[in-house]
Amino acid sequence: MAARFEFFRYRFHFRALSPVHFPAGKAGNTIRGGLGVMLRQGASPDLFSGFFHPEGGAGQTPSGLADPPRPFVIRALHLDGSSGGVGDGFHWDVHIFDLRKPRLDPLREAFERLADAGIGAGRGRACLERVEQLDLEELGRLAGEAGGAPLGIDLEAGGVADRVRLRFVTPTELKGEGGLVERPDFGILFGRLRDRLGALSALYGRGPLEIDFRGMGERARKVRLARCEVEWRQASRRSSRTGQVHPIGGFTGEAEYVGDLGEFLPWLEAARWVGVGRQTVWGKGDVRVVATSGADHA
């Protein structure tokens, strides 16, 4: 299988029936929690597990993951700290990575129940008005019952770049050999991204990516972190099911890298859609390419 990554991108549009408020910094986590409750209550155990406790991973992915990635991420940063009155519209996005099992209908049904039961601080009620399927340029069309064709990213379609600036839009946590890292060194950042895309493709996509994982990792370690302007954001969440408090912070800001970066460009672009690092399901690890120099790509 060539190095092509495919996924679905959906936008769920709602209309508020009572005032709706999303906590600052926690909109994605609030939506994820509500989705889990609705799937646990209204879906089969297999369907719930497929979303939140997928099987596989060990021995099936390049990194030998014992805890496989979930087949989706939520994008709701724009809702953080927002409030809407009766009749106001709002939306959030969900990116689906499973090409083998239909996921849109269960999501649609769960979000309909969640909106009716109430969401966010104060449990504001809403109705689901429509679901759009988006392309990479933010253009959308109404999604059918099963959704349309997936979007594709050619991971081998690199260009020419000797300098790249990235923005860590949402809190990002990366693990190195000694635990969480304070600086997004390129070798660590690319390693986590490479392994995530490889795992998602192997478990849910067309199959394992045909790339030189070891060689790309070695070349990534030669890329230099030339400028780092990131800061840590501390945050936590309390599980409504267990009562436990979990940290959900990470660093945001910008970093600039210098080196032979051309082959890594499509991978870095893909980070916007899949996330990188810990707790990507509710929107952490949203990384954007904001500038390149020496680039010769669209």
Protein backbone atom coordinates (compact mmCIF):
# COMPACT_ATOMS: atom_id res chain seq x y z
CA MET A 1 0.00 0.00 0.00
CA ALA A 2 1.39 3.40 -0.98
CA ALA A 3 1.92 6.10 1.62
CA ARG A 4 -1.55 7.62 1.37
CA PHE A 5 -3.63 8.48 4.41
CA GLU A 6 -7.43 8.71 4.11
CA PHE A 7 -10.12 9.93 6.49
CA PHE A 8 -13.59 11.49 6.70
CA ARG A 9 -14.33 15.01 7.92
CA TYR A 10 -17.82 15.88 9.16
CA ARG A 11 -19.39 19.03 10.59
CA PHE A 12 -22.42 18.73 12.88
CA HIS A 13 -24.70 21.81 12.91
CA PHE A 14 -27.04 22.50 15.86
CA ARG A 15 -29.67 25.07 16.86
CA ALA A 16 -29.99 26.01 20.53
CA LEU A 17 -33.39 25.37 22.17
CA SER A 18 -32.20 26.88 25.45
CA PRO A 19 -29.03 28.80 26.41
CA VAL A 20 -25.91 26.74 25.69
CA HIS A 21 -22.52 27.40 27.29
CA PHE A 22 -19.23 25.57 26.79
CA PRO A 23 -16.55 25.76 29.51
CA ALA A 24 -13.37 27.63 28.60
CA GLY A 25 -10.70 25.26 27.38
CA LYS A 26 -12.92 22.20 27.68
CA ALA A 27 -15.44 22.23 24.83
CA GLY A 28 -13.88 19.25 23.06
CA ASN A 29 -13.62 17.25 26.26
CA THR A 30 -17.23 18.09 27.14
CA ILE A 31 -18.42 16.83 23.75
CA ARG A 32 -16.27 13.71 24.01
CA GLY A 33 -17.70 12.96 27.45
CA GLY A 34 -21.27 13.43 26.25
CA LEU A 35 -20.67 11.25 23.22
CA GLY A 36 -19.31 8.49 25.43
CA VAL A 37 -22.38 8.62 27.69
CA MET A 38 -24.80 8.47 24.75
CA LEU A 39 -22.97 5.61 23.06
CA ARG A 40 -22.74 3.69 26.33
CA GLN A 41 -26.48 4.15 26.95
CA GLY A 42 -27.91 3.75 23.45
CA ALA A 43 -25.46 1.71 21.38
CA SER A 44 -24.27 -1.87 21.50
CA PRO A 45 -21.25 -2.67 23.68
CA ASP A 46 -19.27 -3.50 20.54
CA LEU A 47 -20.07 -0.14 18.99
CA PHE A 48 -19.14 1.74 22.15
CA SER A 49 -15.88 -0.18 22.45
CA GLY A 50 -15.10 0.44 18.81
CA PHE A 51 -15.14 4.18 19.48
CA PHE A 52 -13.57 4.36 22.92
CA HIS A 53 -11.82 1.06 23.64
CA PRO A 54 -10.70 -0.35 20.27
CA GLU A 55 -8.90 -3.67 20.19
CA GLY A 56 -5.63 -4.40 18.44
CA GLY A 57 -2.46 -2.42 18.28
CA ALA A 58 0.19 -4.66 19.77
CA GLY A 59 2.21 -6.18 16.94
CA GLN A 60 -0.05 -4.62 14.28
CA THR A 61 1.48 -1.16 14.07
CA PRO A 62 5.02 0.15 13.50
CA SER A 63 5.34 1.28 17.12
CA GLY A 64 3.76 -1.87 18.55
CA LEU A 65 1.11 0.13 20.40
CA ALA A 66 -0.44 -1.64 23.35
CA ASP A 67 -3.19 1.01 23.56
CA PRO A 68 -4.48 1.60 20.02
CA PRO A 69 -5.58 5.09 18.99
CA ARG A 70 -9.31 5.87 18.86
CA PRO A 71 -10.74 6.12 15.34
CA PHE A 72 -11.81 9.76 15.63
CA VAL A 73 -10.97 13.25 16.90
CA ILE A 74 -13.23 16.18 17.80
CA ARG A 75 -12.51 19.74 16.71
CA ALA A 76 -14.33 22.33 18.85
CA LEU A 77 -11.71 24.92 19.82
CA HIS A 78 -13.93 27.75 18.56
CA LEU A 79 -16.57 26.78 21.17
CA ASP A 80 -14.27 27.17 24.19
CA GLY A 81 -15.88 29.63 26.60
CA SER A 82 -18.69 30.45 24.16
CA SER A 83 -22.34 31.04 25.01
CA GLY A 84 -25.39 31.00 22.77
CA GLY A 85 -29.01 31.96 23.32
CA VAL A 86 -32.21 30.35 22.10
CA GLY A 87 -32.16 30.07 18.33
CA ASP A 88 -28.41 30.52 17.95
CA GLY A 89 -26.54 28.08 15.74
CA PHE A 90 -23.29 26.35 16.56
CA HIS A 91 -21.25 23.45 15.22
CA TRP A 92 -18.35 21.14 15.87
CA ASP A 93 -16.28 18.90 13.61
CA VAL A 94 -15.41 15.22 13.86
CA HIS A 95 -12.67 13.53 11.84
CA ILE A 96 -13.19 9.80 11.33
CA PHE A 97 -10.28 7.50 10.48
CA ASP A 98 -12.09 4.18 10.20
CA LEU A 99 -12.61 3.29 6.53
CA ARG A 100 -13.76 -0.25 7.29
CA LYS A 101 -16.83 0.30 9.47
CA PRO A 102 -19.61 2.88 9.08
CA ARG A 103 -19.28 5.53 11.79
CA LEU A 104 -21.41 8.44 10.63
CA ASP A 105 -24.86 7.08 11.50
CA PRO A 106 -23.91 6.10 15.09
CA LEU A 107 -22.38 9.54 15.59
CA ARG A 108 -25.42 11.28 14.16
CA GLU A 109 -27.77 9.35 16.44
CA ALA A 110 -25.59 9.86 19.54
CA PHE A 111 -25.26 13.60 18.94
CA GLU A 112 -29.01 13.91 18.40
CA ARG A 113 -29.61 12.32 21.80
CA LEU A 114 -26.87 14.42 23.40
CA ALA A 115 -28.34 17.66 22.05
CA ASP A 116 -31.80 16.69 23.25
CA ALA A 117 -30.53 15.74 26.73
CA GLY A 118 -28.46 18.91 27.07
CA ILE A 119 -24.79 19.70 26.76
CA GLY A 120 -22.21 21.96 28.36
CA ALA A 121 -22.50 23.95 31.57
CA GLY A 122 -26.19 24.10 32.51
CA ARG A 123 -27.11 21.28 30.10
CA GLY A 124 -28.43 23.56 27.39
CA ARG A 125 -30.67 21.74 24.92
CA ALA A 126 -30.37 21.91 21.15
CA CYS A 127 -31.43 20.12 18.00
CA LEU A 128 -29.19 18.67 15.32
CA GLU A 129 -30.09 20.43 12.08
CA ARG A 130 -27.75 18.88 9.52
CA VAL A 131 -24.44 17.13 8.95
CA GLU A 132 -21.99 18.25 6.29
CA GLN A 133 -19.03 16.42 4.83
CA LEU A 134 -16.11 18.81 4.43
CA ASP A 135 -13.11 18.78 2.15
CA LEU A 136 -9.65 20.05 3.05
CA GLU A 137 -10.55 23.57 1.89
CA GLU A 138 -13.57 23.97 4.24
CA LEU A 139 -16.10 23.40 1.46
CA GLY A 140 -19.01 21.24 2.56
CA ARG A 141 -22.00 19.35 1.23
CA LEU A 142 -24.78 17.52 2.99
CA ALA A 143 -23.61 14.12 4.15
CA GLY A 144 -25.68 11.14 3.10
CA GLU A 145 -26.69 8.27 5.34
CA ALA A 146 -23.32 6.55 5.05
CA GLY A 147 -21.17 9.55 4.14
CA GLY A 148 -19.25 10.04 0.92
CA ALA A 149 -15.77 9.19 -0.27
CA PRO A 150 -12.87 9.78 2.12
CA LEU A 151 -10.34 12.57 1.79
CA GLY A 152 -6.80 11.58 0.91
CA ILE A 153 -3.33 12.92 1.76
CA ASP A 154 -0.33 11.72 -0.24
CA LEU A 155 2.38 11.44 2.38
CA GLU A 156 5.04 11.10 -0.30
CA ALA A 157 4.11 14.37 -2.03
CA GLY A 158 6.84 16.38 -0.38
CA GLY A 159 8.31 19.59 -1.75
CA VAL A 160 11.41 21.65 -1.03
CA ALA A 161 11.72 23.39 2.31
CA ASP A 162 14.67 24.31 4.52
CA ARG A 163 12.65 26.17 7.16
CA VAL A 164 9.17 25.48 8.54
CA ARG A 165 7.19 27.32 11.21
CA LEU A 166 4.53 25.37 13.12
CA ARG A 167 1.79 26.60 15.43
CA PHE A 168 0.59 24.39 18.27
CA VAL A 169 -3.00 25.60 18.24
CA THR A 170 -4.32 23.47 21.07
CA PRO A 171 -2.44 22.13 24.11
CA THR A 172 0.03 19.48 23.01
CA GLU A 173 1.82 16.85 25.09
CA LEU A 174 4.63 14.81 23.56
CA LYS A 175 6.38 11.88 25.16
CA GLY A 176 10.08 11.22 24.83
CA GLU A 177 12.17 8.48 26.36
CA GLY A 178 12.20 10.24 29.73
CA GLY A 179 8.50 11.13 29.82
CA LEU A 180 6.77 14.34 28.75
CA VAL A 181 9.03 16.78 26.92
CA GLU A 182 9.14 20.55 27.44
CA ARG A 183 10.33 21.43 23.92
CA PRO A 184 8.95 20.09 20.62
CA ASP A 185 12.24 18.86 19.15
CA PHE A 186 11.58 17.77 15.60
CA GLY A 187 12.76 14.19 15.98
CA ILE A 188 10.31 13.60 18.82
CA LEU A 189 7.46 15.50 17.13
CA PHE A 190 7.82 13.65 13.85
CA GLY A 191 8.31 10.30 15.59
CA ARG A 192 5.01 10.64 17.44
CA LEU A 193 3.22 11.84 14.29
CA ARG A 194 4.72 9.09 12.12
CA ASP A 195 3.70 6.39 14.57
CA ARG A 196 0.18 7.81 14.94
CA LEU A 197 -0.48 7.97 11.21
CA GLY A 198 1.03 4.52 10.78
CA ALA A 199 -1.18 3.08 13.52
CA LEU A 200 -4.37 4.72 12.23
CA SER A 201 -3.71 3.48 8.70
CA ALA A 202 -2.86 -0.05 9.82
CA LEU A 203 -5.82 -0.42 12.18
CA TYR A 204 -8.55 1.49 10.33
CA GLY A 205 -7.35 2.40 6.85
CA ARG A 206 -6.08 0.65 3.74
CA GLY A 207 -3.29 -1.09 5.60
CA PRO A 208 0.25 -0.37 6.81
CA LEU A 209 1.97 2.63 5.24
CA GLU A 210 4.80 1.67 2.92
CA ILE A 211 7.49 4.03 4.13
CA ASP A 212 10.98 3.78 5.58
CA PHE A 213 9.99 4.41 9.20
CA ARG A 214 13.51 4.03 10.57
CA GLY A 215 15.17 6.11 7.87
CA MET A 216 12.67 8.97 8.16
CA GLY A 217 13.14 8.97 11.91
CA GLU A 218 16.90 9.26 11.55
CA ARG A 219 16.60 12.12 9.07
CA ALA A 220 14.05 13.88 11.31
CA ARG A 221 16.54 13.90 14.19
CA LYS A 222 18.90 15.99 12.01
CA VAL A 223 16.34 18.82 11.76
CA ARG A 224 17.16 21.64 14.18
CA LEU A 225 14.72 23.50 16.43
CA ALA A 226 15.79 27.07 15.58
CA ARG A 227 13.15 29.00 17.54
CA CYS A 228 10.77 27.89 20.26
CA GLU A 229 8.09 30.16 21.67
CA VAL A 230 5.73 27.86 23.50
CA GLU A 231 4.13 28.08 26.92
CA TRP A 232 2.41 25.52 29.08
CA ARG A 233 -1.29 25.76 29.78
CA GLN A 234 -2.42 24.02 32.93
CA ALA A 235 -5.88 22.46 32.89
CA SER A 236 -7.69 19.46 34.32
CA ARG A 237 -10.94 17.59 33.94
CA ARG A 238 -13.04 15.57 36.34
CA SER A 239 -14.55 12.32 35.09
CA SER A 240 -18.32 12.32 35.66
CA ARG A 241 -18.21 8.51 35.74
CA THR A 242 -15.30 7.88 38.13
CA GLY A 243 -14.86 11.28 39.83
CA GLN A 244 -11.13 11.20 39.11
CA VAL A 245 -9.30 14.38 38.08
CA HIS A 246 -7.04 14.13 35.02
CA PRO A 247 -4.59 16.75 33.66
CA ILE A 248 -5.45 17.92 30.14
CA GLY A 249 -2.93 20.72 29.67
CA GLY A 250 0.04 21.05 27.35
CA PHE A 251 2.05 23.61 25.44
CA THR A 252 0.77 26.05 22.82
CA GLY A 253 2.65 28.57 20.69
CA GLU A 254 5.05 28.39 17.77
CA ALA A 255 8.26 26.61 16.83
CA GLU A 256 10.51 27.05 13.82
CA TYR A 257 12.63 24.27 12.35
CA VAL A 258 15.63 24.37 10.03
CA GLY A 259 16.97 21.52 7.92
CA ASP A 260 16.03 19.28 5.01
CA LEU A 261 12.28 19.37 5.65
CA GLY A 262 10.76 18.72 2.23
CA GLU A 263 9.79 15.09 2.72
CA PHE A 264 8.11 15.92 6.04
CA LEU A 265 5.74 18.62 4.72
CA PRO A 266 2.71 16.39 3.95
CA TRP A 267 3.09 14.68 7.33
CA LEU A 268 3.10 18.03 9.09
CA GLU A 269 0.03 19.10 7.13
CA ALA A 270 -1.69 15.88 8.22
CA ALA A 271 -1.12 16.79 11.88
CA ARG A 272 -3.91 19.34 11.54
CA TRP A 273 -6.41 16.59 10.83
CA VAL A 274 -5.25 13.76 13.10
CA GLY A 275 -3.55 15.54 15.99
CA VAL A 276 -0.34 14.44 17.65
CA GLY A 277 0.60 13.51 21.20
CA ARG A 278 -1.67 12.63 24.12
CA GLN A 279 -5.46 12.99 24.34
CA THR A 280 -6.02 13.87 20.70
CA VAL A 281 -9.61 12.60 20.76
CA TRP A 282 -11.00 15.83 22.21
CA GLY A 283 -8.80 18.11 20.14
CA LYS A 284 -5.39 18.30 21.76
CA GLY A 285 -2.31 18.29 19.53
CA ASP A 286 -3.81 20.36 16.71
CA VAL A 287 -0.66 21.48 14.86
CA ARG A 288 -0.66 23.81 11.81
CA VAL A 289 2.01 24.64 9.24
CA VAL A 290 1.92 28.46 9.15
CA ALA A 291 4.98 29.27 7.03
CA THR A 292 7.70 27.62 4.95
CA SER A 293 10.70 28.91 3.04
CA GLY A 294 12.36 27.23 0.10
CA ALA A 295 9.01 25.45 -0.43
CA ASP A 296 7.93 24.23 -3.84
CA HIS A 297 4.54 22.72 -3.08
CA ALA A 298 0.90 23.74 -3.21
